[in-house]
Amino acid sequence: MAGRRTRIEVVDEDMARILRAKTGAERLKIANDMFVSARRMIVSMLRAEHPDWNDGQINRETARRLSHGAV
């Protein structure tokens, strides 16, 4: 993708050690909780910015943002 800047974030070694000690199920729960939190923040922001939008519009825009425009 020409012109698109990428950003690589490196996990802190202490955090990596903590995550490696967790089970797969625990790591999946953390990832899911982060996704749910991000979705709630986006929905909240969109409701504040667009009080006239209905739930369908909010959900579509939330999905678009979470999928980086792929939806």
PDB file of N, CA and C in Angstrom:
ATOM      1  N   MET A   1       0.832  -1.176   0.000  1.00  0.00           N
ATOM      2  CA  MET A   1       0.000   0.000   0.000  1.00  0.00           C
ATOM      3  C   MET A   1       0.881   1.245   0.000  1.00  0.00           C
ATOM      4  N   ALA A   2       1.003   1.835  -1.124  1.00  0.00           N
ATOM      5  CA  ALA A   2       1.865   2.997  -1.267  1.00  0.00           C
ATOM      6  C   ALA A   2       1.343   4.157  -0.444  1.00  0.00           C
ATOM      7  N   GLY A   3       2.256   4.851   0.195  1.00  0.00           N
ATOM      8  CA  GLY A   3       1.889   6.032   0.948  1.00  0.00           C
ATOM      9  C   GLY A   3       1.340   5.758   2.340  1.00  0.00           C
ATOM     10  N   ARG A   4       1.097   4.515   2.651  1.00  0.00           N
ATOM     11  CA  ARG A   4       0.554   4.198   3.969  1.00  0.00           C
ATOM     12  C   ARG A   4       1.706   3.949   4.935  1.00  0.00           C
ATOM     13  N   ARG A   5       1.687   4.677   6.021  1.00  0.00           N
ATOM     14  CA  ARG A   5       2.740   4.522   7.019  1.00  0.00           C
ATOM     15  C   ARG A   5       2.362   3.398   7.961  1.00  0.00           C
ATOM     16  N   THR A   6       3.326   2.597   8.302  1.00  0.00           N
ATOM     17  CA  THR A   6       3.083   1.535   9.266  1.00  0.00           C
ATOM     18  C   THR A   6       3.759   1.899  10.574  1.00  0.00           C
ATOM     19  N   ARG A   7       3.175   1.394  11.630  1.00  0.00           N
ATOM     20  CA  ARG A   7       3.728   1.663  12.949  1.00  0.00           C
ATOM     21  C   ARG A   7       3.835   0.336  13.670  1.00  0.00           C
ATOM     22  N   ILE A   8       5.015   0.002  14.079  1.00  0.00           N
ATOM     23  CA  ILE A   8       5.240  -1.247  14.777  1.00  0.00           C
ATOM     24  C   ILE A   8       5.448  -0.929  16.256  1.00  0.00           C
ATOM     25  N   GLU A   9       4.621  -1.542  17.076  1.00  0.00           N
ATOM     26  CA  GLU A   9       4.761  -1.357  18.511  1.00  0.00           C
ATOM     27  C   GLU A   9       5.351  -2.625  19.106  1.00  0.00           C
ATOM     28  N   VAL A  10       6.310  -2.449  19.967  1.00  0.00           N
ATOM     29  CA  VAL A  10       6.990  -3.568  20.598  1.00  0.00           C
ATOM     30  C   VAL A  10       6.471  -3.700  22.026  1.00  0.00           C
ATOM     31  N   VAL A  11       6.135  -4.923  22.393  1.00  0.00           N
ATOM     32  CA  VAL A  11       5.651  -5.182  23.745  1.00  0.00           C
ATOM     33  C   VAL A  11       6.823  -5.120  24.717  1.00  0.00           C
ATOM     34  N   ASP A  12       6.606  -4.427  25.808  1.00  0.00           N
ATOM     35  CA  ASP A  12       7.594  -4.348  26.871  1.00  0.00           C
ATOM     36  C   ASP A  12       7.918  -5.761  27.362  1.00  0.00           C
ATOM     37  N   GLU A  13       9.165  -6.035  27.659  1.00  0.00           N
ATOM     38  CA  GLU A  13       9.574  -7.389  28.062  1.00  0.00           C
ATOM     39  C   GLU A  13       8.850  -7.867  29.314  1.00  0.00           C
ATOM     40  N   ASP A  14       8.613  -6.982  30.277  1.00  0.00           N
ATOM     41  CA  ASP A  14       7.868  -7.381  31.481  1.00  0.00           C
ATOM     42  C   ASP A  14       6.441  -7.801  31.120  1.00  0.00           C
ATOM     43  N   MET A  15       5.798  -7.040  30.234  1.00  0.00           N
ATOM     44  CA  MET A  15       4.434  -7.382  29.811  1.00  0.00           C
ATOM     45  C   MET A  15       4.440  -8.684  29.027  1.00  0.00           C
ATOM     46  N   ALA A  16       5.433  -8.884  28.182  1.00  0.00           N
ATOM     47  CA  ALA A  16       5.539 -10.128  27.416  1.00  0.00           C
ATOM     48  C   ALA A  16       5.666 -11.325  28.351  1.00  0.00           C
ATOM     49  N   ARG A  17       6.443 -11.183  29.389  1.00  0.00           N
ATOM     50  CA  ARG A  17       6.619 -12.266  30.362  1.00  0.00           C
ATOM     51  C   ARG A  17       5.286 -12.588  31.053  1.00  0.00           C
ATOM     52  N   ILE A  18       4.546 -11.560  31.428  1.00  0.00           N
ATOM     53  CA  ILE A  18       3.236 -11.752  32.067  1.00  0.00           C
ATOM     54  C   ILE A  18       2.279 -12.458  31.112  1.00  0.00           C
ATOM     55  N   LEU A  19       2.255 -12.010  29.853  1.00  0.00           N
ATOM     56  CA  LEU A  19       1.337 -12.618  28.880  1.00  0.00           C
ATOM     57  C   LEU A  19       1.724 -14.057  28.557  1.00  0.00           C
ATOM     58  N   ARG A  20       3.018 -14.341  28.488  1.00  0.00           N
ATOM     59  CA  ARG A  20       3.457 -15.719  28.219  1.00  0.00           C
ATOM     60  C   ARG A  20       3.035 -16.670  29.332  1.00  0.00           C
ATOM     61  N   ALA A  21       2.910 -16.172  30.549  1.00  0.00           N
ATOM     62  CA  ALA A  21       2.519 -17.010  31.687  1.00  0.00           C
ATOM     63  C   ALA A  21       1.023 -17.327  31.687  1.00  0.00           C
ATOM     64  N   LYS A  22       0.252 -16.619  30.886  1.00  0.00           N
ATOM     65  CA  LYS A  22      -1.195 -16.827  30.844  1.00  0.00           C
ATOM     66  C   LYS A  22      -1.546 -17.957  29.880  1.00  0.00           C
ATOM     67  N   THR A  23      -2.686 -18.585  30.129  1.00  0.00           N
ATOM     68  CA  THR A  23      -3.156 -19.627  29.216  1.00  0.00           C
ATOM     69  C   THR A  23      -3.694 -18.976  27.945  1.00  0.00           C
ATOM     70  N   GLY A  24      -3.898 -19.764  26.931  1.00  0.00           N
ATOM     71  CA  GLY A  24      -4.489 -19.256  25.695  1.00  0.00           C
ATOM     72  C   GLY A  24      -5.856 -18.640  25.947  1.00  0.00           C
ATOM     73  N   ALA A  25      -6.647 -19.300  26.785  1.00  0.00           N
ATOM     74  CA  ALA A  25      -7.984 -18.787  27.107  1.00  0.00           C
ATOM     75  C   ALA A  25      -7.901 -17.443  27.824  1.00  0.00           C
ATOM     76  N   GLU A  26      -6.934 -17.301  28.713  1.00  0.00           N
ATOM     77  CA  GLU A  26      -6.774 -16.022  29.421  1.00  0.00           C
ATOM     78  C   GLU A  26      -6.370 -14.908  28.447  1.00  0.00           C
ATOM     79  N   ARG A  27      -5.486 -15.227  27.509  1.00  0.00           N
ATOM     80  CA  ARG A  27      -5.073 -14.224  26.521  1.00  0.00           C
ATOM     81  C   ARG A  27      -6.224 -13.847  25.601  1.00  0.00           C
ATOM     82  N   LEU A  28      -7.035 -14.829  25.216  1.00  0.00           N
ATOM     83  CA  LEU A  28      -8.205 -14.527  24.386  1.00  0.00           C
ATOM     84  C   LEU A  28      -9.193 -13.644  25.136  1.00  0.00           C
ATOM     85  N   LYS A  29      -9.384 -13.890  26.429  1.00  0.00           N
ATOM     86  CA  LYS A  29     -10.288 -13.060  27.223  1.00  0.00           C
ATOM     87  C   LYS A  29      -9.781 -11.627  27.288  1.00  0.00           C
ATOM     88  N   ILE A  30      -8.477 -11.449  27.465  1.00  0.00           N
ATOM     89  CA  ILE A  30      -7.896 -10.110  27.489  1.00  0.00           C
ATOM     90  C   ILE A  30      -8.157  -9.404  26.152  1.00  0.00           C
ATOM     91  N   ALA A  31      -7.902 -10.109  25.053  1.00  0.00           N
ATOM     92  CA  ALA A  31      -8.119  -9.522  23.729  1.00  0.00           C
ATOM     93  C   ALA A  31      -9.591  -9.165  23.531  1.00  0.00           C
ATOM     94  N   ASN A  32     -10.491 -10.056  23.927  1.00  0.00           N
ATOM     95  CA  ASN A  32     -11.919  -9.782  23.783  1.00  0.00           C
ATOM     96  C   ASN A  32     -12.327  -8.587  24.635  1.00  0.00           C
ATOM     97  N   ASP A  33     -11.847  -8.527  25.864  1.00  0.00           N
ATOM     98  CA  ASP A  33     -12.180  -7.399  26.737  1.00  0.00           C
ATOM     99  C   ASP A  33     -11.685  -6.078  26.144  1.00  0.00           C
ATOM    100  N   MET A  34     -10.512  -6.101  25.519  1.00  0.00           N
ATOM    101  CA  MET A  34      -9.987  -4.890  24.882  1.00  0.00           C
ATOM    102  C   MET A  34     -10.860  -4.491  23.693  1.00  0.00           C
ATOM    103  N   PHE A  35     -11.311  -5.475  22.908  1.00  0.00           N
ATOM    104  CA  PHE A  35     -12.177  -5.197  21.766  1.00  0.00           C
ATOM    105  C   PHE A  35     -13.503  -4.605  22.241  1.00  0.00           C
ATOM    106  N   VAL A  36     -14.107  -5.213  23.248  1.00  0.00           N
ATOM    107  CA  VAL A  36     -15.385  -4.725  23.786  1.00  0.00           C
ATOM    108  C   VAL A  36     -15.227  -3.297  24.304  1.00  0.00           C
ATOM    109  N   SER A  37     -14.129  -3.029  24.997  1.00  0.00           N
ATOM    110  CA  SER A  37     -13.876  -1.691  25.519  1.00  0.00           C
ATOM    111  C   SER A  37     -13.726  -0.673  24.388  1.00  0.00           C
ATOM    112  N   ALA A  38     -12.971  -1.033  23.348  1.00  0.00           N
ATOM    113  CA  ALA A  38     -12.782  -0.140  22.203  1.00  0.00           C
ATOM    114  C   ALA A  38     -14.117   0.139  21.525  1.00  0.00           C
ATOM    115  N   ARG A  39     -14.928  -0.899  21.369  1.00  0.00           N
ATOM    116  CA  ARG A  39     -16.243  -0.724  20.733  1.00  0.00           C
ATOM    117  C   ARG A  39     -17.111   0.220  21.546  1.00  0.00           C
ATOM    118  N   ARG A  40     -17.128   0.039  22.849  1.00  0.00           N
ATOM    119  CA  ARG A  40     -17.938   0.921  23.718  1.00  0.00           C
ATOM    120  C   ARG A  40     -17.477   2.374  23.609  1.00  0.00           C
ATOM    121  N   MET A  41     -16.165   2.580  23.557  1.00  0.00           N
ATOM    122  CA  MET A  41     -15.643   3.948  23.443  1.00  0.00           C
ATOM    123  C   MET A  41     -16.053   4.582  22.115  1.00  0.00           C
ATOM    124  N   ILE A  42     -15.970   3.809  21.035  1.00  0.00           N
ATOM    125  CA  ILE A  42     -16.352   4.336  19.725  1.00  0.00           C
ATOM    126  C   ILE A  42     -17.836   4.663  19.708  1.00  0.00           C
ATOM    127  N   VAL A  43     -18.674   3.757  20.211  1.00  0.00           N
ATOM    128  CA  VAL A  43     -20.122   3.994  20.243  1.00  0.00           C
ATOM    129  C   VAL A  43     -20.424   5.256  21.045  1.00  0.00           C
ATOM    130  N   SER A  44     -19.800   5.387  22.196  1.00  0.00           N
ATOM    131  CA  SER A  44     -20.028   6.552  23.045  1.00  0.00           C
ATOM    132  C   SER A  44     -19.635   7.848  22.335  1.00  0.00           C
ATOM    133  N   MET A  45     -18.497   7.841  21.679  1.00  0.00           N
ATOM    134  CA  MET A  45     -18.036   9.016  20.955  1.00  0.00           C
ATOM    135  C   MET A  45     -18.981   9.363  19.803  1.00  0.00           C
ATOM    136  N   LEU A  46     -19.411   8.334  19.055  1.00  0.00           N
ATOM    137  CA  LEU A  46     -20.308   8.583  17.930  1.00  0.00           C
ATOM    138  C   LEU A  46     -21.655   9.118  18.395  1.00  0.00           C
ATOM    139  N   ARG A  47     -22.172   8.588  19.497  1.00  0.00           N
ATOM    140  CA  ARG A  47     -23.450   9.096  20.026  1.00  0.00           C
ATOM    141  C   ARG A  47     -23.332  10.569  20.423  1.00  0.00           C
ATOM    142  N   ALA A  48     -22.185  10.951  20.988  1.00  0.00           N
ATOM    143  CA  ALA A  48     -21.972  12.349  21.374  1.00  0.00           C
ATOM    144  C   ALA A  48     -21.825  13.245  20.144  1.00  0.00           C
ATOM    145  N   GLU A  49     -21.116  12.752  19.129  1.00  0.00           N
ATOM    146  CA  GLU A  49     -20.886  13.544  17.917  1.00  0.00           C
ATOM    147  C   GLU A  49     -22.093  13.595  16.995  1.00  0.00           C
ATOM    148  N   HIS A  50     -22.933  12.548  17.025  1.00  0.00           N
ATOM    149  CA  HIS A  50     -24.065  12.439  16.100  1.00  0.00           C
ATOM    150  C   HIS A  50     -25.335  12.054  16.857  1.00  0.00           C
ATOM    151  N   PRO A  51     -25.871  12.952  17.675  1.00  0.00           N
ATOM    152  CA  PRO A  51     -27.059  12.612  18.465  1.00  0.00           C
ATOM    153  C   PRO A  51     -28.280  12.289  17.597  1.00  0.00           C
ATOM    154  N   ASP A  52     -28.239  12.680  16.341  1.00  0.00           N
ATOM    155  CA  ASP A  52     -29.358  12.422  15.434  1.00  0.00           C
ATOM    156  C   ASP A  52     -29.293  11.043  14.764  1.00  0.00           C
ATOM    157  N   TRP A  53     -28.190  10.321  14.912  1.00  0.00           N
ATOM    158  CA  TRP A  53     -28.052   9.002  14.286  1.00  0.00           C
ATOM    159  C   TRP A  53     -28.829   7.952  15.064  1.00  0.00           C
ATOM    160  N   ASN A  54     -29.409   6.999  14.312  1.00  0.00           N
ATOM    161  CA  ASN A  54     -30.104   5.879  14.952  1.00  0.00           C
ATOM    162  C   ASN A  54     -29.096   4.758  15.251  1.00  0.00           C
ATOM    163  N   ASP A  55     -29.578   3.712  15.930  1.00  0.00           N
ATOM    164  CA  ASP A  55     -28.688   2.609  16.315  1.00  0.00           C
ATOM    165  C   ASP A  55     -28.025   1.950  15.110  1.00  0.00           C
ATOM    166  N   GLY A  56     -28.760   1.807  14.021  1.00  0.00           N
ATOM    167  CA  GLY A  56     -28.183   1.200  12.818  1.00  0.00           C
ATOM    168  C   GLY A  56     -27.011   1.998  12.274  1.00  0.00           C
ATOM    169  N   GLN A  57     -27.154   3.310  12.226  1.00  0.00           N
ATOM    170  CA  GLN A  57     -26.070   4.171  11.741  1.00  0.00           C
ATOM    171  C   GLN A  57     -24.860   4.097  12.676  1.00  0.00           C
ATOM    172  N   ILE A  58     -25.128   4.113  13.974  1.00  0.00           N
ATOM    173  CA  ILE A  58     -24.043   4.015  14.961  1.00  0.00           C
ATOM    174  C   ILE A  58     -23.312   2.682  14.798  1.00  0.00           C
ATOM    175  N   ASN A  59     -24.069   1.591  14.678  1.00  0.00           N
ATOM    176  CA  ASN A  59     -23.461   0.260  14.548  1.00  0.00           C
ATOM    177  C   ASN A  59     -22.659   0.116  13.265  1.00  0.00           C
ATOM    178  N   ARG A  60     -23.170   0.652  12.160  1.00  0.00           N
ATOM    179  CA  ARG A  60     -22.441   0.563  10.886  1.00  0.00           C
ATOM    180  C   ARG A  60     -21.125   1.337  10.947  1.00  0.00           C
ATOM    181  N   GLU A  61     -21.179   2.548  11.492  1.00  0.00           N
ATOM    182  CA  GLU A  61     -19.954   3.354  11.577  1.00  0.00           C
ATOM    183  C   GLU A  61     -18.969   2.742  12.556  1.00  0.00           C
ATOM    184  N   THR A  62     -19.466   2.183  13.640  1.00  0.00           N
ATOM    185  CA  THR A  62     -18.589   1.514  14.598  1.00  0.00           C
ATOM    186  C   THR A  62     -17.885   0.337  13.922  1.00  0.00           C
ATOM    187  N   ALA A  63     -18.643  -0.471  13.192  1.00  0.00           N
ATOM    188  CA  ALA A  63     -18.057  -1.617  12.481  1.00  0.00           C
ATOM    189  C   ALA A  63     -17.031  -1.145  11.454  1.00  0.00           C
ATOM    190  N   ARG A  64     -17.336  -0.067  10.744  1.00  0.00           N
ATOM    191  CA  ARG A  64     -16.409   0.455   9.742  1.00  0.00           C
ATOM    192  C   ARG A  64     -15.093   0.862  10.395  1.00  0.00           C
ATOM    193  N   ARG A  65     -15.192   1.541  11.517  1.00  0.00           N
ATOM    194  CA  ARG A  65     -13.973   2.005  12.193  1.00  0.00           C
ATOM    195  C   ARG A  65     -13.177   0.846  12.777  1.00  0.00           C
ATOM    196  N   LEU A  66     -13.861  -0.121  13.356  1.00  0.00           N
ATOM    197  CA  LEU A  66     -13.148  -1.262  13.928  1.00  0.00           C
ATOM    198  C   LEU A  66     -12.488  -2.131  12.863  1.00  0.00           C
ATOM    199  N   SER A  67     -13.044  -2.117  11.649  1.00  0.00           N
ATOM    200  CA  SER A  67     -12.490  -2.937  10.568  1.00  0.00           C
ATOM    201  C   SER A  67     -11.561  -2.136   9.663  1.00  0.00           C
ATOM    202  N   HIS A  68     -11.243  -0.912  10.080  1.00  0.00           N
ATOM    203  CA  HIS A  68     -10.369  -0.028   9.287  1.00  0.00           C
ATOM    204  C   HIS A  68     -10.954   0.234   7.903  1.00  0.00           C
ATOM    205  N   GLY A  69     -12.281   0.353   7.845  1.00  0.00           N
ATOM    206  CA  GLY A  69     -12.945   0.682   6.601  1.00  0.00           C
ATOM    207  C   GLY A  69     -13.279  -0.488   5.711  1.00  0.00           C
ATOM    208  N   ALA A  70     -13.016  -1.698   6.162  1.00  0.00           N
ATOM    209  CA  ALA A  70     -13.265  -2.885   5.328  1.00  0.00           C
ATOM    210  C   ALA A  70     -14.749  -3.249   5.274  1.00  0.00           C
ATOM    211  N   VAL A  71     -15.544  -2.683   6.152  1.00  0.00           N
ATOM    212  CA  VAL A  71     -16.988  -3.004   6.171  1.00  0.00           C
ATOM    213  C   VAL A  71     -17.728  -1.934   5.415  1.00  0.00           C
TER     214      VAL A  71
END
